[in-house]
Amino acid sequence: MTTSVPRVLITTDYLRPGDDVDLFLRRSGLRTLHLPMAGRRDPSRLAAALAGVEAALVANEPLTAGILAGASQLRVIVRTGVGYDSIDVAAAARLGITVSNLPGINANAVAEYTVGLLLAGARRLVQSAQGVARGGWPREDGHELRGATLGLIGYGASARAVVPLACAFGMRVVCTTGVPEQLRSDPAVRFVALPELLATSDYVSVHTALTERTRGVLDESAFKLMKPTALLVNTARGPIVDEDALVAAVRSGEIAGAALDVVREEPLSPGSPLRGVDGIVVYSHLAGQTAEARAAAGRRGAEELVAALEGRARFKVN
């Protein structure tokens, strides 16, 4: 009597057949199937790929209730990152599918990138380079980070990793979070309510998860509280920001601008209101994408997948 080899679908775009992750999974007795996610994908193609698959190592795939319902053999999903809002976790639980993420896996990468966006925004580096490319020689004054106030929305691993970097630049740090008070032990951070953070911060950086409570929390009323010189940085999730309200706030001068690594619809649609707005710079969701973070996420994700198939998931979210 022979038993079938469990199949694993891998959609994370930087994981490839024959790499260390692939070899680890195959040595663990699994059969791998690679279907890299690059841009938008027809849901029917993903549903077809999940047929007969016991586990999935995924990027930001939209794993909806409908798609999961059709994956009759699926038992484990591991997200090679922190956010898992693209997965219907409740539907997965009803179907007996374990969902795991990798908390803190790219915190250092996100923190360094956040500071990079702060510097680029404060000194208008992108606008300067674009001006030179167009034949000009822009010489506008920028601003120093030293002495400025950085407001962190959220106090997860990436936000906590930003704190010492900001302090090294001489910034003051305030934070709003739902983390219990006993876990707020950093003396370099002053914890405040969101309205005070928005009103007092020169830079506002988003590091919170996307939930129904945080969806659209940075809306028209939020931007009205911010300083006209303030810069918004978002490396978390696009829908946390009301993009129409942001465009209106930047164009009217309610805030100075925004550096967005994430947007509501990725890749950025041709008709997005964010296009062509002076002061808003959109990047291509790169905050966690370093060679070091990718290597760690791939290996830890594979280890979590094998553990979850054996009933010993360490980072289960449902």
C-alpha atoms as a PDB file:
ATOM      1  CA  MET A   1       0.000   0.000   0.000  1.00  0.00           C
ATOM      2  CA  THR A   2       1.357   3.432  -0.970  1.00  0.00           C
ATOM      3  CA  THR A   3       0.517   6.778   0.544  1.00  0.00           C
ATOM      4  CA  SER A   4       0.383   9.989  -1.469  1.00  0.00           C
ATOM      5  CA  VAL A   5       3.007  12.650  -0.868  1.00  0.00           C
ATOM      6  CA  PRO A   6       1.465  15.834   0.622  1.00  0.00           C
ATOM      7  CA  ARG A   7       1.545  18.738  -1.832  1.00  0.00           C
ATOM      8  CA  VAL A   8       2.525  22.307  -0.945  1.00  0.00           C
ATOM      9  CA  LEU A   9       1.582  25.324  -3.061  1.00  0.00           C
ATOM     10  CA  ILE A  10       4.125  28.181  -2.901  1.00  0.00           C
ATOM     11  CA  THR A  11       3.011  31.581  -4.202  1.00  0.00           C
ATOM     12  CA  THR A  12       5.590  33.886  -2.578  1.00  0.00           C
ATOM     13  CA  ASP A  13       7.333  35.399  -5.581  1.00  0.00           C
ATOM     14  CA  TYR A  14      10.921  35.249  -4.320  1.00  0.00           C
ATOM     15  CA  LEU A  15      10.774  31.522  -3.528  1.00  0.00           C
ATOM     16  CA  ARG A  16      11.876  29.350  -6.422  1.00  0.00           C
ATOM     17  CA  PRO A  17      12.157  25.656  -7.326  1.00  0.00           C
ATOM     18  CA  GLY A  18      15.495  24.295  -6.140  1.00  0.00           C
ATOM     19  CA  ASP A  19      16.182  27.013  -3.560  1.00  0.00           C
ATOM     20  CA  ASP A  20      16.884  26.319   0.109  1.00  0.00           C
ATOM     21  CA  VAL A  21      13.206  26.505   1.059  1.00  0.00           C
ATOM     22  CA  ASP A  22      12.195  24.138  -1.730  1.00  0.00           C
ATOM     23  CA  LEU A  23      14.906  21.654  -0.758  1.00  0.00           C
ATOM     24  CA  PHE A  24      13.924  21.855   2.932  1.00  0.00           C
ATOM     25  CA  LEU A  25      10.279  21.109   2.140  1.00  0.00           C
ATOM     26  CA  ARG A  26      11.154  18.222  -0.157  1.00  0.00           C
ATOM     27  CA  ARG A  27      13.553  16.758   2.412  1.00  0.00           C
ATOM     28  CA  SER A  28      10.637  16.952   4.851  1.00  0.00           C
ATOM     29  CA  GLY A  29       8.667  14.595   2.619  1.00  0.00           C
ATOM     30  CA  LEU A  30       6.562  17.167   0.770  1.00  0.00           C
ATOM     31  CA  ARG A  31       5.972  17.790  -2.921  1.00  0.00           C
ATOM     32  CA  THR A  32       6.211  21.446  -3.959  1.00  0.00           C
ATOM     33  CA  LEU A  33       4.276  23.366  -6.578  1.00  0.00           C
ATOM     34  CA  HIS A  34       5.378  26.935  -7.370  1.00  0.00           C
ATOM     35  CA  LEU A  35       2.952  29.538  -8.670  1.00  0.00           C
ATOM     36  CA  PRO A  36       4.597  32.925  -7.950  1.00  0.00           C
ATOM     37  CA  MET A  37       2.219  35.807  -7.355  1.00  0.00           C
ATOM     38  CA  ALA A  38       3.209  38.791  -9.471  1.00  0.00           C
ATOM     39  CA  GLY A  39       0.543  41.488  -9.595  1.00  0.00           C
ATOM     40  CA  ARG A  40      -3.142  40.676  -9.864  1.00  0.00           C
ATOM     41  CA  ARG A  41      -4.290  37.127 -10.519  1.00  0.00           C
ATOM     42  CA  ASP A  42      -7.586  35.655 -11.642  1.00  0.00           C
ATOM     43  CA  PRO A  43      -9.097  34.025  -8.520  1.00  0.00           C
ATOM     44  CA  SER A  44     -10.063  30.981 -10.573  1.00  0.00           C
ATOM     45  CA  ARG A  45      -6.402  30.276 -11.289  1.00  0.00           C
ATOM     46  CA  LEU A  46      -5.584  30.312  -7.580  1.00  0.00           C
ATOM     47  CA  ALA A  47      -8.575  28.094  -6.811  1.00  0.00           C
ATOM     48  CA  ALA A  48      -7.417  25.596  -9.446  1.00  0.00           C
ATOM     49  CA  ALA A  49      -3.886  25.586  -8.035  1.00  0.00           C
ATOM     50  CA  LEU A  50      -5.182  24.806  -4.525  1.00  0.00           C
ATOM     51  CA  ALA A  51      -7.063  21.717  -5.696  1.00  0.00           C
ATOM     52  CA  GLY A  52      -5.448  18.666  -4.140  1.00  0.00           C
ATOM     53  CA  VAL A  53      -3.025  20.757  -2.066  1.00  0.00           C
ATOM     54  CA  GLU A  54      -2.580  20.078   1.668  1.00  0.00           C
ATOM     55  CA  ALA A  55      -0.595  23.213   2.567  1.00  0.00           C
ATOM     56  CA  ALA A  56       0.195  26.639   1.123  1.00  0.00           C
ATOM     57  CA  LEU A  57       3.072  29.053   1.666  1.00  0.00           C
ATOM     58  CA  VAL A  58       1.639  32.338   0.445  1.00  0.00           C
ATOM     59  CA  ALA A  59       2.321  36.009  -0.129  1.00  0.00           C
ATOM     60  CA  ASN A  60      -0.578  38.485  -0.223  1.00  0.00           C
ATOM     61  CA  GLU A  61      -2.925  36.122  -2.046  1.00  0.00           C
ATOM     62  CA  PRO A  62      -6.624  36.959  -1.527  1.00  0.00           C
ATOM     63  CA  LEU A  63      -7.682  33.695   0.086  1.00  0.00           C
ATOM     64  CA  THR A  64     -11.409  34.337   0.341  1.00  0.00           C
ATOM     65  CA  ALA A  65     -14.063  32.119   1.872  1.00  0.00           C
ATOM     66  CA  GLY A  66     -15.111  30.995  -1.590  1.00  0.00           C
ATOM     67  CA  ILE A  67     -11.608  30.005  -2.637  1.00  0.00           C
ATOM     68  CA  LEU A  68     -10.970  28.190   0.647  1.00  0.00           C
ATOM     69  CA  ALA A  69     -14.267  26.311   0.399  1.00  0.00           C
ATOM     70  CA  GLY A  70     -13.100  24.790  -2.869  1.00  0.00           C
ATOM     71  CA  ALA A  71      -9.754  23.635  -1.432  1.00  0.00           C
ATOM     72  CA  SER A  72     -11.065  20.421   0.087  1.00  0.00           C
ATOM     73  CA  GLN A  73      -7.671  18.985   1.088  1.00  0.00           C
ATOM     74  CA  LEU A  74      -6.081  22.197   2.388  1.00  0.00           C
ATOM     75  CA  ARG A  75      -5.065  21.936   6.060  1.00  0.00           C
ATOM     76  CA  VAL A  76      -2.381  24.606   6.542  1.00  0.00           C
ATOM     77  CA  ILE A  77      -1.722  28.139   5.289  1.00  0.00           C
ATOM     78  CA  VAL A  78       1.458  29.989   6.226  1.00  0.00           C
ATOM     79  CA  ARG A  79       1.866  33.644   5.335  1.00  0.00           C
ATOM     80  CA  THR A  80       5.505  34.569   4.603  1.00  0.00           C
ATOM     81  CA  GLY A  81       5.108  37.880   6.378  1.00  0.00           C
ATOM     82  CA  VAL A  82       3.322  39.540   9.256  1.00  0.00           C
ATOM     83  CA  GLY A  83      -0.020  40.809   7.935  1.00  0.00           C
ATOM     84  CA  TYR A  84      -2.673  38.217   7.138  1.00  0.00           C
ATOM     85  CA  ASP A  85      -5.647  40.445   6.291  1.00  0.00           C
ATOM     86  CA  SER A  86      -5.758  38.951   2.774  1.00  0.00           C
ATOM     87  CA  ILE A  87      -6.834  35.610   4.285  1.00  0.00           C
ATOM     88  CA  ASP A  88     -10.375  34.975   5.539  1.00  0.00           C
ATOM     89  CA  VAL A  89      -9.156  33.593   8.866  1.00  0.00           C
ATOM     90  CA  ALA A  90     -12.653  32.928  10.210  1.00  0.00           C
ATOM     91  CA  ALA A  91     -13.604  30.910   7.128  1.00  0.00           C
ATOM     92  CA  ALA A  92     -10.353  28.967   7.399  1.00  0.00           C
ATOM     93  CA  ALA A  93     -11.126  28.126  11.026  1.00  0.00           C
ATOM     94  CA  ARG A  94     -14.599  26.863  10.101  1.00  0.00           C
ATOM     95  CA  LEU A  95     -13.018  24.615   7.476  1.00  0.00           C
ATOM     96  CA  GLY A  96     -10.384  23.282   9.877  1.00  0.00           C
ATOM     97  CA  ILE A  97      -7.506  25.078   8.138  1.00  0.00           C
ATOM     98  CA  THR A  98      -4.683  26.354  10.344  1.00  0.00           C
ATOM     99  CA  VAL A  99      -3.427  29.857   9.427  1.00  0.00           C
ATOM    100  CA  SER A 100      -0.018  31.067  10.618  1.00  0.00           C
ATOM    101  CA  ASN A 101       1.964  34.242  10.127  1.00  0.00           C
ATOM    102  CA  LEU A 102       5.570  35.135  10.988  1.00  0.00           C
ATOM    103  CA  PRO A 103       5.452  37.881  13.644  1.00  0.00           C
ATOM    104  CA  GLY A 104       8.393  40.259  13.625  1.00  0.00           C
ATOM    105  CA  ILE A 105      10.119  38.497  10.735  1.00  0.00           C
ATOM    106  CA  ASN A 106      10.895  41.695   8.808  1.00  0.00           C
ATOM    107  CA  ALA A 107      10.845  44.252  11.631  1.00  0.00           C
ATOM    108  CA  ASN A 108      14.413  45.468  11.083  1.00  0.00           C
ATOM    109  CA  ALA A 109      13.872  45.810   7.332  1.00  0.00           C
ATOM    110  CA  VAL A 110      10.650  47.786   7.835  1.00  0.00           C
ATOM    111  CA  ALA A 111      12.234  50.015  10.483  1.00  0.00           C
ATOM    112  CA  GLU A 112      15.223  50.940   8.317  1.00  0.00           C
ATOM    113  CA  TYR A 113      12.964  51.548   5.330  1.00  0.00           C
ATOM    114  CA  THR A 114      10.684  53.759   7.432  1.00  0.00           C
ATOM    115  CA  VAL A 115      13.632  55.957   8.385  1.00  0.00           C
ATOM    116  CA  GLY A 116      14.630  56.023   4.710  1.00  0.00           C
ATOM    117  CA  LEU A 117      11.185  57.374   3.802  1.00  0.00           C
ATOM    118  CA  LEU A 118      11.394  59.938   6.594  1.00  0.00           C
ATOM    119  CA  LEU A 119      14.732  61.192   5.269  1.00  0.00           C
ATOM    120  CA  ALA A 120      13.564  61.165   1.655  1.00  0.00           C
ATOM    121  CA  GLY A 121      10.434  63.104   2.574  1.00  0.00           C
ATOM    122  CA  ALA A 122      12.176  65.590   4.849  1.00  0.00           C
ATOM    123  CA  ARG A 123      14.806  66.401   2.213  1.00  0.00           C
ATOM    124  CA  ARG A 124      12.506  65.974  -0.833  1.00  0.00           C
ATOM    125  CA  LEU A 125      14.996  63.590  -2.406  1.00  0.00           C
ATOM    126  CA  VAL A 126      12.590  62.041  -4.903  1.00  0.00           C
ATOM    127  CA  GLN A 127      11.372  65.420  -6.087  1.00  0.00           C
ATOM    128  CA  SER A 128      14.955  66.638  -6.461  1.00  0.00           C
ATOM    129  CA  ALA A 129      15.976  63.626  -8.544  1.00  0.00           C
ATOM    130  CA  GLN A 130      12.858  63.952 -10.695  1.00  0.00           C
ATOM    131  CA  GLY A 131      13.617  67.633 -11.262  1.00  0.00           C
ATOM    132  CA  VAL A 132      17.159  66.875 -12.393  1.00  0.00           C
ATOM    133  CA  ALA A 133      15.868  64.132 -14.725  1.00  0.00           C
ATOM    134  CA  ARG A 134      13.564  66.716 -16.313  1.00  0.00           C
ATOM    135  CA  GLY A 135      16.515  69.022 -16.929  1.00  0.00           C
ATOM    136  CA  GLY A 136      16.188  71.256 -13.870  1.00  0.00           C
ATOM    137  CA  TRP A 137      18.359  71.807 -10.813  1.00  0.00           C
ATOM    138  CA  PRO A 138      15.992  72.015  -7.770  1.00  0.00           C
ATOM    139  CA  ARG A 139      17.448  73.772  -4.717  1.00  0.00           C
ATOM    140  CA  GLU A 140      14.566  73.813  -2.228  1.00  0.00           C
ATOM    141  CA  ASP A 141      15.283  73.758   1.490  1.00  0.00           C
ATOM    142  CA  GLY A 142      14.594  70.502   3.262  1.00  0.00           C
ATOM    143  CA  HIS A 143      14.154  69.785   6.956  1.00  0.00           C
ATOM    144  CA  GLU A 144      16.227  67.997   9.577  1.00  0.00           C
ATOM    145  CA  LEU A 145      14.813  65.118  11.596  1.00  0.00           C
ATOM    146  CA  ARG A 146      16.613  66.219  14.752  1.00  0.00           C
ATOM    147  CA  GLY A 147      14.201  67.884  17.148  1.00  0.00           C
ATOM    148  CA  ALA A 148      11.107  66.740  15.234  1.00  0.00           C
ATOM    149  CA  THR A 149       8.335  64.583  16.694  1.00  0.00           C
ATOM    150  CA  LEU A 150       7.620  61.176  15.187  1.00  0.00           C
ATOM    151  CA  GLY A 151       4.193  59.688  15.847  1.00  0.00           C
ATOM    152  CA  LEU A 152       3.896  55.908  15.581  1.00  0.00           C
ATOM    153  CA  ILE A 153       0.458  54.419  15.011  1.00  0.00           C
ATOM    154  CA  GLY A 154       0.863  50.925  16.417  1.00  0.00           C
ATOM    155  CA  TYR A 155       3.469  49.370  18.679  1.00  0.00           C
ATOM    156  CA  GLY A 156       4.252  46.046  17.062  1.00  0.00           C
ATOM    157  CA  ALA A 157       7.700  44.703  16.233  1.00  0.00           C
ATOM    158  CA  SER A 158       8.400  47.120  13.361  1.00  0.00           C
ATOM    159  CA  ALA A 159       7.306  50.182  15.345  1.00  0.00           C
ATOM    160  CA  ARG A 160       9.447  49.124  18.287  1.00  0.00           C
ATOM    161  CA  ALA A 161      12.412  48.700  15.929  1.00  0.00           C
ATOM    162  CA  VAL A 162      11.892  52.247  14.603  1.00  0.00           C
ATOM    163  CA  VAL A 163      12.208  53.802  18.066  1.00  0.00           C
ATOM    164  CA  PRO A 164      16.003  53.499  18.603  1.00  0.00           C
ATOM    165  CA  LEU A 165      16.674  54.610  15.016  1.00  0.00           C
ATOM    166  CA  ALA A 166      14.501  57.702  15.463  1.00  0.00           C
ATOM    167  CA  CYS A 167      16.151  58.464  18.788  1.00  0.00           C
ATOM    168  CA  ALA A 168      19.577  58.203  17.138  1.00  0.00           C
ATOM    169  CA  PHE A 169      18.485  61.037  14.842  1.00  0.00           C
ATOM    170  CA  GLY A 170      17.421  63.086  17.859  1.00  0.00           C
ATOM    171  CA  MET A 171      13.681  62.730  17.302  1.00  0.00           C
ATOM    172  CA  ARG A 172      11.001  62.691  19.978  1.00  0.00           C
ATOM    173  CA  VAL A 173       8.704  59.662  19.714  1.00  0.00           C
ATOM    174  CA  VAL A 174       5.039  59.423  20.619  1.00  0.00           C
ATOM    175  CA  CYS A 175       2.845  56.404  20.025  1.00  0.00           C
ATOM    176  CA  THR A 176      -0.797  55.391  20.033  1.00  0.00           C
ATOM    177  CA  THR A 177      -1.564  51.707  20.509  1.00  0.00           C
ATOM    178  CA  GLY A 178      -3.960  49.170  21.900  1.00  0.00           C
ATOM    179  CA  VAL A 179      -1.082  47.226  23.478  1.00  0.00           C
ATOM    180  CA  PRO A 180      -1.737  46.803  27.231  1.00  0.00           C
ATOM    181  CA  GLU A 181      -0.007  49.340  29.475  1.00  0.00           C
ATOM    182  CA  GLN A 182       2.150  46.699  31.157  1.00  0.00           C
ATOM    183  CA  LEU A 183       3.793  46.018  27.771  1.00  0.00           C
ATOM    184  CA  ARG A 184       4.627  49.681  27.129  1.00  0.00           C
ATOM    185  CA  SER A 185       8.006  49.680  28.807  1.00  0.00           C
ATOM    186  CA  ASP A 186      10.081  51.907  26.513  1.00  0.00           C
ATOM    187  CA  PRO A 187      11.095  55.111  28.341  1.00  0.00           C
ATOM    188  CA  ALA A 188      11.946  56.716  24.986  1.00  0.00           C
ATOM    189  CA  VAL A 189       8.280  56.645  23.938  1.00  0.00           C
ATOM    190  CA  ARG A 190       5.409  58.772  25.232  1.00  0.00           C
ATOM    191  CA  PHE A 191       2.083  56.992  24.750  1.00  0.00           C
ATOM    192  CA  VAL A 192      -0.828  59.231  23.791  1.00  0.00           C
ATOM    193  CA  ALA A 193      -4.295  59.042  22.243  1.00  0.00           C
ATOM    194  CA  LEU A 194      -4.563  59.264  18.459  1.00  0.00           C
ATOM    195  CA  PRO A 195      -5.896  62.856  18.316  1.00  0.00           C
ATOM    196  CA  GLU A 196      -2.947  64.146  20.355  1.00  0.00           C
ATOM    197  CA  LEU A 197      -0.502  62.171  18.237  1.00  0.00           C
ATOM    198  CA  LEU A 198      -1.908  63.620  15.019  1.00  0.00           C
ATOM    199  CA  ALA A 199      -1.901  67.163  16.370  1.00  0.00           C
ATOM    200  CA  THR A 200       1.656  67.114  17.732  1.00  0.00           C
ATOM    201  CA  SER A 201       3.620  64.983  15.266  1.00  0.00           C
ATOM    202  CA  ASP A 202       5.785  66.334  12.469  1.00  0.00           C
ATOM    203  CA  TYR A 203       5.883  62.851  10.941  1.00  0.00           C
ATOM    204  CA  VAL A 204       3.186  60.183  11.339  1.00  0.00           C
ATOM    205  CA  SER A 205       4.222  56.595  10.574  1.00  0.00           C
ATOM    206  CA  VAL A 206       1.673  53.770  10.338  1.00  0.00           C
ATOM    207  CA  HIS A 207       2.604  50.362  11.794  1.00  0.00           C
ATOM    208  CA  THR A 208      -0.737  48.889  12.824  1.00  0.00           C
ATOM    209  CA  ALA A 209      -2.571  45.857  11.460  1.00  0.00           C
ATOM    210  CA  LEU A 210      -5.524  46.278   9.118  1.00  0.00           C
ATOM    211  CA  THR A 211      -8.728  45.514  11.020  1.00  0.00           C
ATOM    212  CA  GLU A 212     -12.268  46.803  10.835  1.00  0.00           C
ATOM    213  CA  ARG A 213     -11.273  49.273  13.569  1.00  0.00           C
ATOM    214  CA  THR A 214      -8.258  50.630  11.676  1.00  0.00           C
ATOM    215  CA  ARG A 215      -9.702  50.545   8.156  1.00  0.00           C
ATOM    216  CA  GLY A 216      -9.900  54.150   6.971  1.00  0.00           C
ATOM    217  CA  VAL A 217      -8.883  55.513  10.376  1.00  0.00           C
ATOM    218  CA  LEU A 218      -6.732  58.152   8.665  1.00  0.00           C
ATOM    219  CA  ASP A 219      -9.603  60.008   7.064  1.00  0.00           C
ATOM    220  CA  GLU A 220     -10.670  63.588   6.445  1.00  0.00           C
ATOM    221  CA  SER A 221     -11.152  64.321  10.151  1.00  0.00           C
ATOM    222  CA  ALA A 222      -7.718  62.861  10.982  1.00  0.00           C
ATOM    223  CA  PHE A 223      -5.933  64.989   8.394  1.00  0.00           C
ATOM    224  CA  LYS A 224      -7.625  68.114   9.723  1.00  0.00           C
ATOM    225  CA  LEU A 225      -5.918  67.451  13.079  1.00  0.00           C
ATOM    226  CA  MET A 226      -2.424  67.190  11.584  1.00  0.00           C
ATOM    227  CA  LYS A 227       0.087  70.006  11.144  1.00  0.00           C
ATOM    228  CA  PRO A 228       0.221  71.628   7.686  1.00  0.00           C
ATOM    229  CA  THR A 229       3.928  70.732   7.650  1.00  0.00           C
ATOM    230  CA  ALA A 230       3.347  67.066   8.589  1.00  0.00           C
ATOM    231  CA  LEU A 231       4.360  64.090   6.452  1.00  0.00           C
ATOM    232  CA  LEU A 232       2.475  60.777   6.535  1.00  0.00           C
ATOM    233  CA  VAL A 233       4.413  57.523   6.070  1.00  0.00           C
ATOM    234  CA  ASN A 234       2.573  54.231   5.566  1.00  0.00           C
ATOM    235  CA  THR A 235       4.419  50.912   5.459  1.00  0.00           C
ATOM    236  CA  ALA A 236       1.544  48.902   6.976  1.00  0.00           C
ATOM    237  CA  ARG A 237      -1.581  48.423   4.819  1.00  0.00           C
ATOM    238  CA  GLY A 238      -3.100  50.705   2.197  1.00  0.00           C
ATOM    239  CA  PRO A 239      -6.748  50.682   3.332  1.00  0.00           C
ATOM    240  CA  ILE A 240      -5.785  52.175   6.700  1.00  0.00           C
ATOM    241  CA  VAL A 241      -5.589  55.474   4.792  1.00  0.00           C
ATOM    242  CA  ASP A 242      -8.578  57.043   3.046  1.00  0.00           C
ATOM    243  CA  GLU A 243      -6.788  57.826  -0.220  1.00  0.00           C
ATOM    244  CA  ASP A 244      -9.348  60.330  -1.515  1.00  0.00           C
ATOM    245  CA  ALA A 245      -9.191  62.247   1.766  1.00  0.00           C
ATOM    246  CA  LEU A 246      -5.381  62.141   1.670  1.00  0.00           C
ATOM    247  CA  VAL A 247      -5.255  63.594  -1.839  1.00  0.00           C
ATOM    248  CA  ALA A 248      -7.646  66.367  -0.815  1.00  0.00           C
ATOM    249  CA  ALA A 249      -5.598  67.121   2.322  1.00  0.00           C
ATOM    250  CA  VAL A 250      -2.307  67.371   0.412  1.00  0.00           C
ATOM    251  CA  ARG A 251      -3.759  69.468  -2.394  1.00  0.00           C
ATOM    252  CA  SER A 252      -5.407  71.875   0.050  1.00  0.00           C
ATOM    253  CA  GLY A 253      -2.267  72.186   2.174  1.00  0.00           C
ATOM    254  CA  GLU A 254      -3.792  70.581   5.279  1.00  0.00           C
ATOM    255  CA  ILE A 255      -0.704  68.350   5.384  1.00  0.00           C
ATOM    256  CA  ALA A 256       2.577  68.607   3.479  1.00  0.00           C
ATOM    257  CA  GLY A 257       2.636  65.194   1.852  1.00  0.00           C
ATOM    258  CA  ALA A 258       2.849  61.430   2.136  1.00  0.00           C
ATOM    259  CA  ALA A 259       5.249  58.581   1.437  1.00  0.00           C
ATOM    260  CA  LEU A 260       3.212  55.451   0.778  1.00  0.00           C
ATOM    261  CA  ASP A 261       4.797  52.028   0.452  1.00  0.00           C
ATOM    262  CA  VAL A 262       1.349  50.420   0.423  1.00  0.00           C
ATOM    263  CA  VAL A 263      -1.864  51.461  -1.317  1.00  0.00           C
ATOM    264  CA  ARG A 264      -5.465  50.312  -1.444  1.00  0.00           C
ATOM    265  CA  GLU A 265      -5.040  48.517  -4.777  1.00  0.00           C
ATOM    266  CA  GLU A 266      -1.678  46.988  -5.655  1.00  0.00           C
ATOM    267  CA  PRO A 267      -0.101  47.436  -8.129  1.00  0.00           C
ATOM    268  CA  LEU A 268      -1.215  51.060  -8.266  1.00  0.00           C
ATOM    269  CA  SER A 269      -4.063  51.330 -10.779  1.00  0.00           C
ATOM    270  CA  PRO A 270      -3.722  53.690 -13.767  1.00  0.00           C
ATOM    271  CA  GLY A 271      -6.702  55.696 -12.532  1.00  0.00           C
ATOM    272  CA  SER A 272      -5.612  55.989  -8.905  1.00  0.00           C
ATOM    273  CA  PRO A 273      -6.210  59.461  -7.410  1.00  0.00           C
ATOM    274  CA  LEU A 274      -2.713  59.217  -5.900  1.00  0.00           C
ATOM    275  CA  ARG A 275      -1.058  59.631  -9.291  1.00  0.00           C
ATOM    276  CA  GLY A 276       0.355  63.012 -10.210  1.00  0.00           C
ATOM    277  CA  VAL A 277      -0.151  64.661  -6.814  1.00  0.00           C
ATOM    278  CA  ASP A 278       2.795  66.862  -5.848  1.00  0.00           C
ATOM    279  CA  GLY A 279       3.840  65.836  -2.351  1.00  0.00           C
ATOM    280  CA  ILE A 280       2.631  62.223  -2.545  1.00  0.00           C
ATOM    281  CA  VAL A 281       5.232  59.600  -3.429  1.00  0.00           C
ATOM    282  CA  VAL A 282       4.124  55.998  -3.921  1.00  0.00           C
ATOM    283  CA  TYR A 283       6.585  53.127  -3.616  1.00  0.00           C
ATOM    284  CA  SER A 284       6.087  49.483  -4.605  1.00  0.00           C
ATOM    285  CA  HIS A 285       5.550  47.689  -1.258  1.00  0.00           C
ATOM    286  CA  LEU A 286       9.250  47.201  -0.518  1.00  0.00           C
ATOM    287  CA  ALA A 287       9.494  47.829   3.225  1.00  0.00           C
ATOM    288  CA  GLY A 288      10.059  44.217   4.200  1.00  0.00           C
ATOM    289  CA  GLN A 289      11.872  43.223   1.033  1.00  0.00           C
ATOM    290  CA  THR A 290      15.526  42.799   1.892  1.00  0.00           C
ATOM    291  CA  ALA A 291      17.632  39.777   1.053  1.00  0.00           C
ATOM    292  CA  GLU A 292      18.043  39.122   4.764  1.00  0.00           C
ATOM    293  CA  ALA A 293      14.334  39.397   5.587  1.00  0.00           C
ATOM    294  CA  ARG A 294      13.334  37.282   2.600  1.00  0.00           C
ATOM    295  CA  ALA A 295      15.777  34.515   3.533  1.00  0.00           C
ATOM    296  CA  ALA A 296      14.509  34.497   7.120  1.00  0.00           C
ATOM    297  CA  ALA A 297      10.843  34.557   6.067  1.00  0.00           C
ATOM    298  CA  GLY A 298      11.257  31.750   3.580  1.00  0.00           C
ATOM    299  CA  ARG A 299      13.044  29.449   5.983  1.00  0.00           C
ATOM    300  CA  ARG A 300      10.871  30.223   9.027  1.00  0.00           C
ATOM    301  CA  GLY A 301       7.738  29.953   6.890  1.00  0.00           C
ATOM    302  CA  ALA A 302       8.781  26.521   5.655  1.00  0.00           C
ATOM    303  CA  GLU A 303       9.566  25.405   9.202  1.00  0.00           C
ATOM    304  CA  GLU A 304       6.174  26.661  10.402  1.00  0.00           C
ATOM    305  CA  LEU A 305       4.419  24.859   7.543  1.00  0.00           C
ATOM    306  CA  VAL A 306       6.043  21.523   8.393  1.00  0.00           C
ATOM    307  CA  ALA A 307       5.316  22.021  12.096  1.00  0.00           C
ATOM    308  CA  ALA A 308       1.676  22.924  11.401  1.00  0.00           C
ATOM    309  CA  LEU A 309       1.166  19.834   9.249  1.00  0.00           C
ATOM    310  CA  GLU A 310       2.416  17.823  12.222  1.00  0.00           C
ATOM    311  CA  GLY A 311      -0.023  19.600  14.555  1.00  0.00           C
ATOM    312  CA  ARG A 312       2.565  21.794  16.300  1.00  0.00           C
ATOM    313  CA  ALA A 313       2.045  25.233  14.738  1.00  0.00           C
ATOM    314  CA  ARG A 314       3.892  27.936  16.690  1.00  0.00           C
ATOM    315  CA  PHE A 315       2.422  31.102  15.166  1.00  0.00           C
ATOM    316  CA  LYS A 316      -1.212  30.134  14.602  1.00  0.00           C
ATOM    317  CA  VAL A 317      -3.613  33.087  14.291  1.00  0.00           C
ATOM    318  CA  ASN A 318      -6.922  31.159  14.215  1.00  0.00           C
END
